Amino acid sequence: INQHDLGERAAQVGIMDQVYKRSFTTAIWLGAAGFEADATIQMFEAIRRIPSEEFAPYYRQHPNGAAPPATFWLKHGLSSFDDEETWRPVVRLFEHRWFNRAWIIQEVTLSSKNMYVFWGRHAMTWDDLGHVAFAGQVARLGIMTSQPALTRYLAGDTAAGEVYDWVVRDPLVNSFQLWYNRHRYLQRSQTPHDDTMLREMRALTGCKAA
């Protein structure tokens, strides 16, 4: 799309929902990868091999879940969370500016077939990325880059919770929600039954029909 041609841009924006829905493959380009990319991808691969069922007991604990202990990660060949420098690059990837753009809701939700994320010479499927985001949400990886008030809030200091909302600030939570909403939308769009979720996602993506 020629971004300098306002007419062309307006015309293309108006049909982007159809472009994404009819595409066989959607390629998401995050740009060139930095020096820490290889180590980050190795951690992604290790996390991807952990079945979702192993995270479930921690995810279901209330009120805010419970992060897996150090032994959980060590069992799967990963470092303990005490080693923040090892884990921080994973968080930084989810802080990439692509994840902060509003239009990606349309791109992710409506691309009903193949989705690949490219980062430098590395590639991964969207579902693999979603699995890592889910693991990161359970483990509260985003806490590493949040404000100190978060630790006090999780420890029971309600006054600290007035400073920042951890859900909004946690990049892994936001990425997991994007993955989860895509699957909910696609599941419901295959049936004539309509519900609040489907209407909400149609409104967010500009898609008028399933």
N, C-alpha and C. Protein backbone atom coordinates (compact mmCIF):
# COMPACT_ATOMS: atom_id res chain seq x y z
N ILE A 1 0.86 -1.19 0.00
CA ILE A 1 0.00 0.00 0.00
C ILE A 1 0.89 1.24 0.00
N ASN A 2 0.63 2.11 -0.94
CA ASN A 2 1.36 3.38 -0.98
C ASN A 2 0.79 4.30 0.09
N GLN A 3 1.52 4.43 1.19
CA GLN A 3 1.02 5.22 2.32
C GLN A 3 0.90 6.71 2.00
N HIS A 4 1.56 7.16 0.93
CA HIS A 4 1.51 8.57 0.57
C HIS A 4 0.34 8.89 -0.36
N ASP A 5 -0.31 7.86 -0.88
CA ASP A 5 -1.48 8.04 -1.74
C ASP A 5 -2.72 7.85 -0.87
N LEU A 6 -3.33 8.96 -0.45
CA LEU A 6 -4.44 8.87 0.51
C LEU A 6 -5.63 8.11 -0.06
N GLY A 7 -5.88 8.24 -1.35
CA GLY A 7 -6.99 7.52 -1.97
C GLY A 7 -6.76 6.02 -1.96
N GLU A 8 -5.56 5.63 -2.37
CA GLU A 8 -5.22 4.19 -2.37
C GLU A 8 -5.25 3.63 -0.96
N ARG A 9 -4.69 4.39 -0.04
CA ARG A 9 -4.64 3.91 1.34
C ARG A 9 -6.04 3.71 1.91
N ALA A 10 -6.93 4.68 1.68
CA ALA A 10 -8.29 4.58 2.18
C ALA A 10 -9.03 3.39 1.57
N ALA A 11 -8.82 3.17 0.26
CA ALA A 11 -9.49 2.06 -0.41
C ALA A 11 -9.01 0.72 0.14
N GLN A 12 -7.70 0.59 0.37
CA GLN A 12 -7.15 -0.67 0.86
C GLN A 12 -7.53 -0.93 2.31
N VAL A 13 -7.54 0.11 3.11
CA VAL A 13 -7.93 -0.05 4.52
C VAL A 13 -9.36 -0.58 4.60
N GLY A 14 -10.21 -0.14 3.67
CA GLY A 14 -11.61 -0.55 3.68
C GLY A 14 -11.83 -2.03 3.36
N ILE A 15 -10.83 -2.67 2.77
CA ILE A 15 -11.00 -4.09 2.42
C ILE A 15 -9.99 -4.98 3.13
N MET A 16 -9.30 -4.45 4.13
CA MET A 16 -8.28 -5.25 4.80
C MET A 16 -8.87 -6.47 5.49
N ASP A 17 -10.11 -6.38 5.97
CA ASP A 17 -10.70 -7.56 6.60
C ASP A 17 -10.80 -8.71 5.59
N GLN A 18 -11.13 -8.39 4.33
CA GLN A 18 -11.21 -9.42 3.31
C GLN A 18 -9.83 -9.93 2.91
N VAL A 19 -8.85 -9.04 2.91
CA VAL A 19 -7.48 -9.45 2.58
C VAL A 19 -7.00 -10.50 3.58
N TYR A 20 -7.19 -10.22 4.86
CA TYR A 20 -6.74 -11.15 5.89
C TYR A 20 -7.54 -12.45 5.86
N LYS A 21 -8.86 -12.34 5.69
CA LYS A 21 -9.69 -13.54 5.71
C LYS A 21 -9.39 -14.47 4.54
N ARG A 22 -9.03 -13.91 3.39
CA ARG A 22 -8.81 -14.73 2.20
C ARG A 22 -7.35 -15.15 2.01
N SER A 23 -6.48 -14.64 2.84
CA SER A 23 -5.07 -14.98 2.67
C SER A 23 -4.82 -16.44 3.08
N PHE A 24 -3.94 -17.10 2.33
CA PHE A 24 -3.58 -18.47 2.69
C PHE A 24 -2.54 -18.46 3.81
N THR A 25 -1.66 -17.48 3.78
CA THR A 25 -0.65 -17.33 4.82
C THR A 25 -0.47 -15.86 5.16
N THR A 26 -0.46 -15.56 6.44
CA THR A 26 -0.18 -14.19 6.90
C THR A 26 1.22 -14.19 7.53
N ALA A 27 2.10 -13.36 7.00
CA ALA A 27 3.47 -13.27 7.50
C ALA A 27 3.61 -12.01 8.35
N ILE A 28 4.00 -12.20 9.59
CA ILE A 28 4.21 -11.09 10.53
C ILE A 28 5.72 -10.87 10.65
N TRP A 29 6.17 -9.70 10.27
CA TRP A 29 7.60 -9.39 10.26
C TRP A 29 7.93 -8.46 11.41
N LEU A 30 8.74 -8.94 12.35
CA LEU A 30 9.12 -8.13 13.51
C LEU A 30 10.40 -7.36 13.29
N GLY A 31 11.01 -7.54 12.12
CA GLY A 31 12.23 -6.81 11.82
C GLY A 31 13.47 -7.62 12.12
N ALA A 32 14.61 -6.96 12.05
CA ALA A 32 15.89 -7.62 12.30
C ALA A 32 15.98 -8.03 13.76
N ALA A 33 16.61 -9.17 14.00
CA ALA A 33 16.78 -9.67 15.36
C ALA A 33 18.11 -9.19 15.94
N GLY A 34 18.13 -8.97 17.24
CA GLY A 34 19.33 -8.50 17.90
C GLY A 34 20.27 -9.64 18.27
N PHE A 35 21.30 -9.30 19.01
CA PHE A 35 22.34 -10.27 19.37
C PHE A 35 21.81 -11.37 20.28
N GLU A 36 20.73 -11.11 21.01
CA GLU A 36 20.22 -12.09 21.96
C GLU A 36 19.16 -13.00 21.35
N ALA A 37 18.93 -12.89 20.05
CA ALA A 37 17.85 -13.63 19.41
C ALA A 37 18.02 -15.14 19.51
N ASP A 38 19.23 -15.63 19.26
CA ASP A 38 19.45 -17.08 19.28
C ASP A 38 19.10 -17.68 20.64
N ALA A 39 19.55 -17.03 21.70
CA ALA A 39 19.26 -17.52 23.05
C ALA A 39 17.77 -17.45 23.35
N THR A 40 17.11 -16.38 22.89
CA THR A 40 15.68 -16.22 23.12
C THR A 40 14.90 -17.32 22.41
N ILE A 41 15.25 -17.61 21.17
CA ILE A 41 14.55 -18.64 20.41
C ILE A 41 14.77 -20.01 21.03
N GLN A 42 15.96 -20.26 21.55
CA GLN A 42 16.21 -21.53 22.23
C GLN A 42 15.29 -21.69 23.44
N MET A 43 15.06 -20.60 24.16
CA MET A 43 14.14 -20.65 25.30
C MET A 43 12.71 -20.86 24.82
N PHE A 44 12.35 -20.21 23.71
CA PHE A 44 11.03 -20.41 23.12
C PHE A 44 10.81 -21.89 22.81
N GLU A 45 11.81 -22.51 22.19
CA GLU A 45 11.70 -23.91 21.82
C GLU A 45 11.52 -24.80 23.04
N ALA A 46 12.26 -24.51 24.10
CA ALA A 46 12.14 -25.30 25.33
C ALA A 46 10.76 -25.13 25.96
N ILE A 47 10.24 -23.90 25.98
CA ILE A 47 8.91 -23.64 26.54
C ILE A 47 7.84 -24.30 25.69
N ARG A 48 8.02 -24.24 24.37
CA ARG A 48 7.02 -24.80 23.46
C ARG A 48 6.85 -26.30 23.67
N ARG A 49 7.91 -26.97 24.11
CA ARG A 49 7.83 -28.42 24.30
C ARG A 49 7.14 -28.81 25.61
N ILE A 50 6.86 -27.83 26.47
CA ILE A 50 6.15 -28.12 27.73
C ILE A 50 4.65 -28.17 27.44
N PRO A 51 3.97 -29.28 27.67
CA PRO A 51 2.53 -29.36 27.41
C PRO A 51 1.75 -28.33 28.21
N SER A 52 0.71 -27.78 27.60
CA SER A 52 -0.12 -26.78 28.30
C SER A 52 -0.70 -27.34 29.59
N GLU A 53 -0.96 -28.64 29.60
CA GLU A 53 -1.57 -29.26 30.78
C GLU A 53 -0.68 -29.12 32.02
N GLU A 54 0.61 -29.01 31.81
CA GLU A 54 1.51 -28.88 32.96
C GLU A 54 1.44 -27.49 33.59
N PHE A 55 0.98 -26.51 32.81
CA PHE A 55 0.83 -25.16 33.35
C PHE A 55 -0.52 -24.98 34.04
N ALA A 56 -1.50 -25.81 33.66
CA ALA A 56 -2.87 -25.62 34.12
C ALA A 56 -3.03 -25.55 35.64
N PRO A 57 -2.39 -26.44 36.41
CA PRO A 57 -2.59 -26.36 37.87
C PRO A 57 -2.20 -25.02 38.46
N TYR A 58 -1.17 -24.39 37.90
CA TYR A 58 -0.73 -23.09 38.41
C TYR A 58 -1.67 -21.98 37.93
N TYR A 59 -2.15 -22.11 36.70
CA TYR A 59 -3.04 -21.10 36.11
C TYR A 59 -4.37 -21.05 36.84
N ARG A 60 -4.83 -22.20 37.33
CA ARG A 60 -6.17 -22.27 37.93
C ARG A 60 -6.19 -21.89 39.39
N GLN A 61 -5.04 -21.73 40.01
CA GLN A 61 -5.03 -21.35 41.41
C GLN A 61 -5.49 -19.90 41.55
N HIS A 62 -6.26 -19.64 42.60
CA HIS A 62 -6.86 -18.32 42.78
C HIS A 62 -6.23 -17.59 43.97
N PRO A 63 -6.32 -16.25 43.97
CA PRO A 63 -7.03 -15.42 43.00
C PRO A 63 -6.23 -15.08 41.74
N ASN A 64 -4.92 -15.12 41.82
CA ASN A 64 -4.11 -14.69 40.69
C ASN A 64 -3.19 -15.78 40.15
N GLY A 65 -3.47 -17.02 40.50
CA GLY A 65 -2.60 -18.09 40.05
C GLY A 65 -1.34 -18.16 40.88
N ALA A 66 -0.49 -19.12 40.55
CA ALA A 66 0.77 -19.28 41.26
C ALA A 66 1.85 -19.64 40.26
N ALA A 67 2.94 -18.90 40.27
CA ALA A 67 4.02 -19.17 39.33
C ALA A 67 4.66 -20.52 39.63
N PRO A 68 5.00 -21.31 38.60
CA PRO A 68 5.67 -22.60 38.83
C PRO A 68 6.98 -22.40 39.59
N PRO A 69 7.34 -23.34 40.43
CA PRO A 69 8.58 -23.21 41.21
C PRO A 69 9.81 -23.43 40.34
N ALA A 70 10.98 -23.18 40.91
CA ALA A 70 12.23 -23.33 40.17
C ALA A 70 12.41 -24.74 39.65
N THR A 71 11.97 -25.73 40.42
CA THR A 71 12.14 -27.13 40.00
C THR A 71 11.38 -27.43 38.72
N PHE A 72 10.27 -26.74 38.51
CA PHE A 72 9.47 -26.95 37.30
C PHE A 72 10.29 -26.59 36.06
N TRP A 73 10.94 -25.43 36.10
CA TRP A 73 11.71 -24.97 34.95
C TRP A 73 12.99 -25.78 34.77
N LEU A 74 13.63 -26.12 35.87
CA LEU A 74 14.87 -26.89 35.79
C LEU A 74 14.60 -28.26 35.18
N LYS A 75 13.44 -28.83 35.49
CA LYS A 75 13.07 -30.13 34.95
C LYS A 75 12.99 -30.10 33.43
N HIS A 76 12.64 -28.93 32.90
CA HIS A 76 12.49 -28.78 31.45
C HIS A 76 13.71 -28.12 30.80
N GLY A 77 14.81 -28.09 31.53
CA GLY A 77 16.05 -27.57 30.96
C GLY A 77 16.13 -26.07 30.89
N LEU A 78 15.34 -25.38 31.70
CA LEU A 78 15.34 -23.92 31.70
C LEU A 78 15.87 -23.40 33.03
N SER A 79 16.29 -22.15 33.03
CA SER A 79 16.85 -21.55 34.24
C SER A 79 15.75 -21.18 35.22
N SER A 80 16.11 -21.11 36.47
CA SER A 80 15.20 -20.62 37.49
C SER A 80 14.93 -19.14 37.25
N PHE A 81 13.77 -18.66 37.73
CA PHE A 81 13.44 -17.25 37.56
C PHE A 81 14.37 -16.34 38.35
N ASP A 82 15.14 -16.92 39.25
CA ASP A 82 16.12 -16.11 39.97
C ASP A 82 17.15 -15.54 39.00
N ASP A 83 17.32 -16.20 37.87
CA ASP A 83 18.26 -15.75 36.85
C ASP A 83 17.51 -14.82 35.88
N GLU A 84 17.25 -13.60 36.33
CA GLU A 84 16.42 -12.68 35.55
C GLU A 84 17.05 -12.32 34.21
N GLU A 85 18.36 -12.21 34.15
CA GLU A 85 19.01 -11.81 32.91
C GLU A 85 18.78 -12.84 31.81
N THR A 86 18.62 -14.10 32.18
CA THR A 86 18.36 -15.14 31.19
C THR A 86 16.95 -15.03 30.64
N TRP A 87 16.00 -14.70 31.50
CA TRP A 87 14.60 -14.65 31.10
C TRP A 87 14.18 -13.32 30.48
N ARG A 88 14.87 -12.26 30.81
CA ARG A 88 14.43 -10.93 30.38
C ARG A 88 14.29 -10.79 28.85
N PRO A 89 15.17 -11.40 28.02
CA PRO A 89 15.00 -11.27 26.57
C PRO A 89 13.65 -11.79 26.06
N VAL A 90 13.09 -12.80 26.73
CA VAL A 90 11.78 -13.31 26.33
C VAL A 90 10.72 -12.22 26.51
N VAL A 91 10.80 -11.52 27.63
CA VAL A 91 9.87 -10.43 27.89
C VAL A 91 10.06 -9.31 26.86
N ARG A 92 11.30 -9.01 26.55
CA ARG A 92 11.58 -7.92 25.61
C ARG A 92 10.99 -8.20 24.23
N LEU A 93 10.96 -9.45 23.81
CA LEU A 93 10.37 -9.75 22.50
C LEU A 93 8.90 -9.38 22.50
N PHE A 94 8.19 -9.68 23.57
CA PHE A 94 6.76 -9.36 23.64
C PHE A 94 6.51 -7.87 23.86
N GLU A 95 7.56 -7.13 24.15
CA GLU A 95 7.44 -5.67 24.25
C GLU A 95 7.68 -5.00 22.89
N HIS A 96 7.91 -5.78 21.87
CA HIS A 96 8.13 -5.23 20.53
C HIS A 96 6.94 -4.35 20.14
N ARG A 97 7.21 -3.27 19.42
CA ARG A 97 6.16 -2.30 19.11
C ARG A 97 5.02 -2.90 18.29
N TRP A 98 5.28 -4.00 17.56
CA TRP A 98 4.20 -4.62 16.78
C TRP A 98 3.04 -5.01 17.66
N PHE A 99 3.32 -5.52 18.87
CA PHE A 99 2.26 -5.98 19.76
C PHE A 99 1.45 -4.83 20.35
N ASN A 100 1.89 -3.61 20.18
CA ASN A 100 1.20 -2.45 20.75
C ASN A 100 0.33 -1.71 19.74
N ARG A 101 0.25 -2.22 18.52
CA ARG A 101 -0.53 -1.55 17.48
C ARG A 101 -1.96 -2.07 17.47
N ALA A 102 -2.92 -1.16 17.40
CA ALA A 102 -4.33 -1.55 17.47
C ALA A 102 -4.76 -2.41 16.29
N TRP A 103 -4.20 -2.14 15.10
CA TRP A 103 -4.67 -2.85 13.91
C TRP A 103 -4.30 -4.33 13.90
N ILE A 104 -3.40 -4.76 14.78
CA ILE A 104 -3.04 -6.18 14.78
C ILE A 104 -4.20 -7.04 15.27
N ILE A 105 -5.18 -6.45 15.97
CA ILE A 105 -6.35 -7.23 16.38
C ILE A 105 -7.05 -7.78 15.15
N GLN A 106 -7.18 -6.93 14.12
CA GLN A 106 -7.79 -7.37 12.88
C GLN A 106 -6.92 -8.40 12.17
N GLU A 107 -5.63 -8.14 12.09
CA GLU A 107 -4.72 -9.04 11.40
C GLU A 107 -4.71 -10.44 12.01
N VAL A 108 -4.61 -10.49 13.33
CA VAL A 108 -4.52 -11.77 14.02
C VAL A 108 -5.86 -12.51 14.01
N THR A 109 -6.93 -11.79 14.29
CA THR A 109 -8.23 -12.45 14.42
C THR A 109 -8.75 -12.99 13.10
N LEU A 110 -8.60 -12.24 12.03
CA LEU A 110 -9.22 -12.61 10.76
C LEU A 110 -8.37 -13.50 9.88
N SER A 111 -7.09 -13.63 10.18
CA SER A 111 -6.24 -14.53 9.38
C SER A 111 -6.53 -15.96 9.80
N SER A 112 -7.50 -16.56 9.15
CA SER A 112 -8.04 -17.82 9.63
C SER A 112 -7.21 -19.04 9.26
N LYS A 113 -6.19 -18.88 8.41
CA LYS A 113 -5.41 -20.05 7.99
C LYS A 113 -4.03 -20.03 8.65
N ASN A 114 -2.98 -19.92 7.87
CA ASN A 114 -1.63 -20.01 8.41
C ASN A 114 -1.10 -18.64 8.84
N MET A 115 -0.50 -18.61 10.01
CA MET A 115 0.13 -17.38 10.49
C MET A 115 1.53 -17.70 10.97
N TYR A 116 2.51 -16.94 10.46
CA TYR A 116 3.90 -17.13 10.86
C TYR A 116 4.47 -15.80 11.31
N VAL A 117 5.28 -15.86 12.36
CA VAL A 117 5.97 -14.68 12.87
C VAL A 117 7.45 -14.82 12.49
N PHE A 118 7.96 -13.82 11.78
CA PHE A 118 9.37 -13.81 11.36
C PHE A 118 10.12 -12.75 12.14
N TRP A 119 11.24 -13.15 12.69
CA TRP A 119 12.08 -12.25 13.48
C TRP A 119 13.52 -12.51 13.06
N GLY A 120 14.05 -11.63 12.22
CA GLY A 120 15.35 -11.88 11.64
C GLY A 120 15.30 -13.15 10.81
N ARG A 121 16.22 -14.07 11.05
CA ARG A 121 16.22 -15.34 10.32
C ARG A 121 15.39 -16.42 11.01
N HIS A 122 14.73 -16.06 12.10
CA HIS A 122 13.94 -17.02 12.85
C HIS A 122 12.46 -16.93 12.45
N ALA A 123 11.76 -18.06 12.55
CA ALA A 123 10.33 -18.10 12.23
C ALA A 123 9.63 -19.02 13.22
N MET A 124 8.41 -18.67 13.53
CA MET A 124 7.60 -19.51 14.42
C MET A 124 6.13 -19.35 14.03
N THR A 125 5.32 -20.34 14.35
CA THR A 125 3.90 -20.23 14.07
C THR A 125 3.25 -19.34 15.13
N TRP A 126 2.08 -18.82 14.80
CA TRP A 126 1.36 -17.98 15.75
C TRP A 126 0.97 -18.80 16.98
N ASP A 127 0.59 -20.06 16.79
CA ASP A 127 0.21 -20.90 17.92
C ASP A 127 1.39 -21.16 18.85
N ASP A 128 2.58 -21.30 18.29
CA ASP A 128 3.76 -21.46 19.14
C ASP A 128 3.99 -20.21 19.98
N LEU A 129 3.83 -19.06 19.35
CA LEU A 129 3.98 -17.80 20.07
C LEU A 129 2.93 -17.69 21.17
N GLY A 130 1.70 -18.11 20.87
CA GLY A 130 0.64 -18.09 21.86
C GLY A 130 0.92 -19.00 23.04
N HIS A 131 1.52 -20.15 22.77
CA HIS A 131 1.85 -21.08 23.84
C HIS A 131 2.89 -20.46 24.77
N VAL A 132 3.89 -19.80 24.20
CA VAL A 132 4.92 -19.15 25.02
C VAL A 132 4.30 -18.01 25.83
N ALA A 133 3.38 -17.27 25.21
CA ALA A 133 2.72 -16.17 25.93
C ALA A 133 1.89 -16.71 27.09
N PHE A 134 1.23 -17.85 26.86
CA PHE A 134 0.45 -18.48 27.93
C PHE A 134 1.36 -18.89 29.08
N ALA A 135 2.49 -19.52 28.74
CA ALA A 135 3.44 -19.92 29.78
C ALA A 135 3.94 -18.71 30.54
N GLY A 136 4.21 -17.63 29.81
CA GLY A 136 4.70 -16.41 30.44
C GLY A 136 3.67 -15.76 31.33
N GLN A 137 2.39 -15.86 30.93
CA GLN A 137 1.33 -15.31 31.77
C GLN A 137 1.24 -16.10 33.08
N VAL A 138 1.26 -17.43 32.97
CA VAL A 138 1.21 -18.26 34.17
C VAL A 138 2.38 -17.96 35.09
N ALA A 139 3.56 -17.80 34.49
CA ALA A 139 4.77 -17.57 35.28
C ALA A 139 4.95 -16.12 35.70
N ARG A 140 4.09 -15.24 35.19
CA ARG A 140 4.19 -13.81 35.49
C ARG A 140 5.53 -13.23 35.06
N LEU A 141 5.94 -13.60 33.88
CA LEU A 141 7.22 -13.09 33.38
C LEU A 141 7.22 -11.58 33.27
N GLY A 142 6.06 -11.01 32.91
CA GLY A 142 5.99 -9.57 32.73
C GLY A 142 6.29 -8.78 33.98
N ILE A 143 6.23 -9.44 35.13
CA ILE A 143 6.54 -8.76 36.39
C ILE A 143 7.95 -8.20 36.36
N MET A 144 8.83 -8.85 35.62
CA MET A 144 10.22 -8.45 35.60
C MET A 144 10.41 -7.02 35.11
N THR A 145 9.51 -6.55 34.26
CA THR A 145 9.67 -5.21 33.72
C THR A 145 8.60 -4.25 34.24
N SER A 146 7.81 -4.68 35.22
CA SER A 146 6.78 -3.83 35.77
C SER A 146 7.34 -2.98 36.90
N GLN A 147 6.51 -2.09 37.38
CA GLN A 147 6.93 -1.20 38.45
C GLN A 147 7.05 -1.96 39.78
N PRO A 148 7.91 -1.50 40.70
CA PRO A 148 8.07 -2.16 41.99
C PRO A 148 6.76 -2.30 42.77
N ALA A 149 5.82 -1.40 42.50
CA ALA A 149 4.55 -1.44 43.23
C ALA A 149 3.83 -2.77 43.01
N LEU A 150 4.09 -3.44 41.89
CA LEU A 150 3.42 -4.70 41.60
C LEU A 150 3.73 -5.76 42.64
N THR A 151 4.99 -5.86 43.03
CA THR A 151 5.39 -6.85 44.02
C THR A 151 4.64 -6.63 45.33
N ARG A 152 4.52 -5.37 45.73
CA ARG A 152 3.80 -5.06 46.96
C ARG A 152 2.32 -5.40 46.83
N TYR A 153 1.77 -5.15 45.64
CA TYR A 153 0.35 -5.44 45.41
C TYR A 153 0.07 -6.94 45.52
N LEU A 154 0.92 -7.76 44.89
CA LEU A 154 0.73 -9.21 44.93
C LEU A 154 0.96 -9.77 46.32
N ALA A 155 1.71 -9.01 47.14
CA ALA A 155 1.96 -9.44 48.51
C ALA A 155 0.82 -9.05 49.45
N GLY A 156 -0.20 -8.34 48.91
CA GLY A 156 -1.35 -7.99 49.73
C GLY A 156 -1.48 -6.53 50.06
N ASP A 157 -0.57 -5.68 49.58
CA ASP A 157 -0.63 -4.25 49.84
C ASP A 157 -1.57 -3.62 48.82
N THR A 158 -2.84 -3.44 49.20
CA THR A 158 -3.84 -2.94 48.25
C THR A 158 -3.55 -1.53 47.78
N ALA A 159 -2.88 -0.73 48.60
CA ALA A 159 -2.58 0.64 48.20
C ALA A 159 -1.64 0.66 46.99
N ALA A 160 -0.76 -0.33 46.92
CA ALA A 160 0.18 -0.38 45.80
C ALA A 160 -0.54 -0.63 44.49
N GLY A 161 -1.68 -1.30 44.55
CA GLY A 161 -2.42 -1.59 43.33
C GLY A 161 -2.99 -0.36 42.66
N GLU A 162 -3.03 0.75 43.35
CA GLU A 162 -3.55 1.97 42.77
C GLU A 162 -2.54 2.65 41.85
N VAL A 163 -1.31 2.17 41.87
CA VAL A 163 -0.26 2.81 41.08
C VAL A 163 -0.30 2.35 39.63
N TYR A 164 -0.30 1.04 39.41
CA TYR A 164 -0.31 0.50 38.05
C TYR A 164 -1.17 -0.75 38.00
N ASP A 165 -1.81 -0.96 36.88
CA ASP A 165 -2.59 -2.17 36.65
C ASP A 165 -1.69 -3.16 35.93
N TRP A 166 -1.34 -4.27 36.59
CA TRP A 166 -0.35 -5.19 36.04
C TRP A 166 -0.84 -5.87 34.77
N VAL A 167 -2.15 -6.12 34.66
CA VAL A 167 -2.66 -6.82 33.48
C VAL A 167 -2.44 -5.99 32.22
N VAL A 168 -2.69 -4.70 32.30
CA VAL A 168 -2.52 -3.83 31.14
C VAL A 168 -1.04 -3.68 30.78
N ARG A 169 -0.19 -3.68 31.77
CA ARG A 169 1.23 -3.42 31.53
C ARG A 169 2.01 -4.69 31.17
N ASP A 170 1.45 -5.85 31.40
CA ASP A 170 2.18 -7.09 31.18
C ASP A 170 2.08 -7.48 29.70
N PRO A 171 3.17 -7.41 28.94
CA PRO A 171 3.10 -7.70 27.50
C PRO A 171 2.74 -9.14 27.19
N LEU A 172 3.09 -10.07 28.06
CA LEU A 172 2.76 -11.47 27.80
C LEU A 172 1.28 -11.74 28.01
N VAL A 173 0.68 -11.08 28.98
CA VAL A 173 -0.76 -11.22 29.19
C VAL A 173 -1.51 -10.70 27.97
N ASN A 174 -1.10 -9.52 27.47
CA ASN A 174 -1.78 -8.94 26.31
C ASN A 174 -1.64 -9.83 25.08
N SER A 175 -0.46 -10.42 24.89
CA SER A 175 -0.23 -11.28 23.73
C SER A 175 -1.04 -12.56 23.84
N PHE A 176 -1.14 -13.11 25.04
CA PHE A 176 -1.94 -14.32 25.22
C PHE A 176 -3.42 -14.03 24.95
N GLN A 177 -3.90 -12.88 25.41
CA GLN A 177 -5.30 -12.53 25.16
C GLN A 177 -5.57 -12.40 23.67
N LEU A 178 -4.61 -11.86 22.94
CA LEU A 178 -4.76 -11.75 21.49
C LEU A 178 -4.87 -13.14 20.87
N TRP A 179 -4.03 -14.06 21.30
CA TRP A 179 -4.07 -15.44 20.81
C TRP A 179 -5.40 -16.10 21.17
N TYR A 180 -5.81 -15.92 22.41
CA TYR A 180 -7.03 -16.57 22.91
C TYR A 180 -8.26 -16.04 22.19
N ASN A 181 -8.34 -14.72 22.01
CA ASN A 181 -9.50 -14.13 21.33
C ASN A 181 -9.60 -14.59 19.89
N ARG A 182 -8.46 -14.77 19.23
CA ARG A 182 -8.48 -15.28 17.86
C ARG A 182 -9.15 -16.64 17.78
N HIS A 183 -8.77 -17.53 18.70
CA HIS A 183 -9.34 -18.87 18.67
C HIS A 183 -10.83 -18.85 19.02
N ARG A 184 -11.21 -18.01 19.96
CA ARG A 184 -12.63 -17.91 20.30
C ARG A 184 -13.43 -17.38 19.12
N TYR A 185 -12.91 -16.39 18.45
CA TYR A 185 -13.60 -15.82 17.30
C TYR A 185 -13.74 -16.84 16.18
N LEU A 186 -12.65 -17.53 15.86
CA LEU A 186 -12.68 -18.49 14.76
C LEU A 186 -13.63 -19.65 15.07
N GLN A 187 -13.67 -20.07 16.31
CA GLN A 187 -14.55 -21.16 16.69
C GLN A 187 -16.01 -20.76 16.51
N ARG A 188 -16.35 -19.56 16.89
CA ARG A 188 -17.74 -19.12 16.80
C ARG A 188 -18.12 -18.70 15.39
N SER A 189 -17.14 -18.25 14.61
CA SER A 189 -17.46 -17.80 13.26
C SER A 189 -17.78 -18.97 12.33
N GLN A 190 -17.53 -20.20 12.77
CA GLN A 190 -17.85 -21.35 11.96
C GLN A 190 -19.29 -21.80 12.12
N THR A 191 -20.01 -21.18 13.02
CA THR A 191 -21.40 -21.55 13.25
C THR A 191 -22.29 -20.33 13.09
N PRO A 192 -23.56 -20.53 12.76
CA PRO A 192 -24.48 -19.39 12.60
C PRO A 192 -24.84 -18.73 13.92
N HIS A 193 -24.54 -19.41 15.03
CA HIS A 193 -24.88 -18.86 16.33
C HIS A 193 -24.06 -17.60 16.60
N ASP A 194 -24.72 -16.55 17.03
CA ASP A 194 -24.03 -15.29 17.32
C ASP A 194 -24.01 -15.09 18.83
N ASP A 195 -23.03 -14.42 19.32
CA ASP A 195 -22.97 -14.12 20.74
C ASP A 195 -22.19 -12.83 20.95
N THR A 196 -22.04 -12.44 22.20
CA THR A 196 -21.39 -11.17 22.52
C THR A 196 -19.95 -11.15 22.05
N MET A 197 -19.23 -12.26 22.23
CA MET A 197 -17.82 -12.32 21.82
C MET A 197 -17.69 -12.08 20.32
N LEU A 198 -18.51 -12.74 19.53
CA LEU A 198 -18.41 -12.60 18.09
C LEU A 198 -18.73 -11.17 17.65
N ARG A 199 -19.76 -10.59 18.23
CA ARG A 199 -20.12 -9.21 17.87
C ARG A 199 -19.01 -8.24 18.27
N GLU A 200 -18.39 -8.48 19.42
CA GLU A 200 -17.30 -7.61 19.88
C GLU A 200 -16.12 -7.67 18.92
N MET A 201 -15.72 -8.88 18.51
CA MET A 201 -14.57 -9.02 17.64
C MET A 201 -14.87 -8.48 16.25
N ARG A 202 -16.10 -8.61 15.80
CA ARG A 202 -16.46 -8.03 14.51
C ARG A 202 -16.32 -6.51 14.56
N ALA A 203 -16.74 -5.93 15.67
CA ALA A 203 -16.64 -4.48 15.81
C ALA A 203 -15.18 -4.03 15.85
N LEU A 204 -14.34 -4.77 16.57
CA LEU A 204 -12.94 -4.40 16.69
C LEU A 204 -12.18 -4.54 15.39
N THR A 205 -12.57 -5.53 14.57
CA THR A 205 -11.84 -5.80 13.34
C THR A 205 -12.44 -5.13 12.11
N GLY A 206 -13.65 -4.58 12.25
CA GLY A 206 -14.31 -3.98 11.10
C GLY A 206 -14.93 -4.99 10.17
N CYS A 207 -15.04 -6.23 10.61
CA CYS A 207 -15.60 -7.31 9.80
C CYS A 207 -17.10 -7.39 10.06
N LYS A 208 -17.91 -7.26 9.01
CA LYS A 208 -19.35 -7.24 9.16
C LYS A 208 -19.98 -8.62 9.06
N ALA A 209 -19.27 -9.58 8.45
CA ALA A 209 -19.82 -10.92 8.31
C ALA A 209 -18.80 -11.95 8.75
N ALA A 210 -19.26 -13.12 9.14
CA ALA A 210 -18.37 -14.16 9.60
C ALA A 210 -17.48 -14.66 8.47
